[in-house]
Amino acid sequence: MALSINPISCRLQLQLDYGVDEAGRAISRSKSYSNVKPDASNQDIFDTAMAIAGLQSYPVTAVRRIDQSELVEA
């Protein structure tokens, strides 16, 4: 049985460093941007993330591409 992969959606997520709390634990938050074209290249998504990172008040510690696909029996 062969499988086919059908892309459903793609999302860009930035992990932001909010510093540390009173106990010294790191505080981080994430911001997600949906409606990214599933066929967008990784480089284009990263370049977009870096442009958005320049607009943030907190430093970006990670850039994630989150893809969702459907597996269909061919």
Protein backbone atom coordinates (compact mmCIF):
# COMPACT_ATOMS: atom_id res chain seq x y z
CA MET A 1 0.00 0.00 0.00
CA ALA A 2 1.43 3.31 -1.09
CA LEU A 3 0.76 6.50 0.81
CA SER A 4 0.32 9.98 -0.51
CA ILE A 5 0.88 13.11 1.58
CA ASN A 6 -1.49 16.05 1.12
CA PRO A 7 -0.34 19.27 2.82
CA ILE A 8 -3.15 20.90 4.81
CA SER A 9 -1.61 23.91 6.52
CA CYS A 10 1.62 25.50 7.64
CA ARG A 11 2.34 27.78 10.57
CA LEU A 12 5.35 29.89 11.63
CA GLN A 13 6.11 30.00 15.35
CA LEU A 14 8.60 32.28 17.10
CA GLN A 15 9.86 31.46 20.60
CA LEU A 16 10.60 34.67 22.55
CA ASP A 17 12.85 35.10 25.60
CA TYR A 18 11.03 37.13 28.26
CA GLY A 19 13.90 36.95 30.77
CA VAL A 20 13.72 35.23 34.17
CA ASP A 21 11.24 35.25 37.05
CA GLU A 22 11.92 35.87 40.74
CA ALA A 23 13.00 32.25 41.21
CA GLY A 24 15.51 32.46 38.35
CA ARG A 25 13.49 30.32 35.93
CA ALA A 26 13.49 31.30 32.28
CA ILE A 27 10.29 32.82 30.94
CA SER A 28 9.48 32.23 27.29
CA ARG A 29 6.44 32.83 25.15
CA SER A 30 5.61 31.86 21.61
CA LYS A 31 3.85 33.73 18.84
CA SER A 32 2.31 31.86 15.94
CA TYR A 33 1.51 33.10 12.46
CA SER A 34 -0.88 30.93 10.49
CA ASN A 35 -1.85 30.84 6.82
CA VAL A 36 1.71 30.22 5.64
CA LYS A 37 1.69 28.57 2.25
CA PRO A 38 2.56 24.88 2.69
CA ASP A 39 4.81 25.00 -0.39
CA ALA A 40 6.87 27.94 0.93
CA SER A 41 10.59 27.17 1.15
CA ASN A 42 12.30 26.87 4.50
CA GLN A 43 14.60 29.77 3.59
CA ASP A 44 11.65 32.05 2.78
CA ILE A 45 9.97 31.18 6.07
CA PHE A 46 13.20 31.80 7.99
CA ASP A 47 13.76 35.15 6.23
CA THR A 48 10.22 36.19 7.11
CA ALA A 49 10.78 35.12 10.71
CA MET A 50 13.93 37.25 10.92
CA ALA A 51 12.03 40.26 9.54
CA ILE A 52 9.30 39.75 12.16
CA ALA A 53 11.97 39.21 14.86
CA GLY A 54 13.29 42.70 14.16
CA LEU A 55 9.89 44.09 15.17
CA GLN A 56 9.70 42.23 18.48
CA SER A 57 10.50 43.75 21.88
CA TYR A 58 12.03 40.48 23.12
CA PRO A 59 14.78 38.38 21.52
CA VAL A 60 13.78 35.38 19.41
CA THR A 61 15.32 32.14 20.64
CA ALA A 62 13.79 29.70 18.15
CA VAL A 63 12.03 29.67 14.79
CA ARG A 64 9.70 26.76 14.07
CA ARG A 65 7.87 25.63 10.99
CA ILE A 66 4.81 23.58 11.91
CA ASP A 67 3.31 21.59 9.04
CA GLN A 68 0.10 19.63 9.06
CA SER A 69 -0.48 16.99 6.39
CA GLU A 70 -3.00 14.31 5.63
CA LEU A 71 -1.86 10.79 4.81
CA VAL A 72 -3.99 9.18 2.12
CA GLU A 73 -3.79 5.65 0.85
CA ALA A 74 -3.03 5.78 -2.85
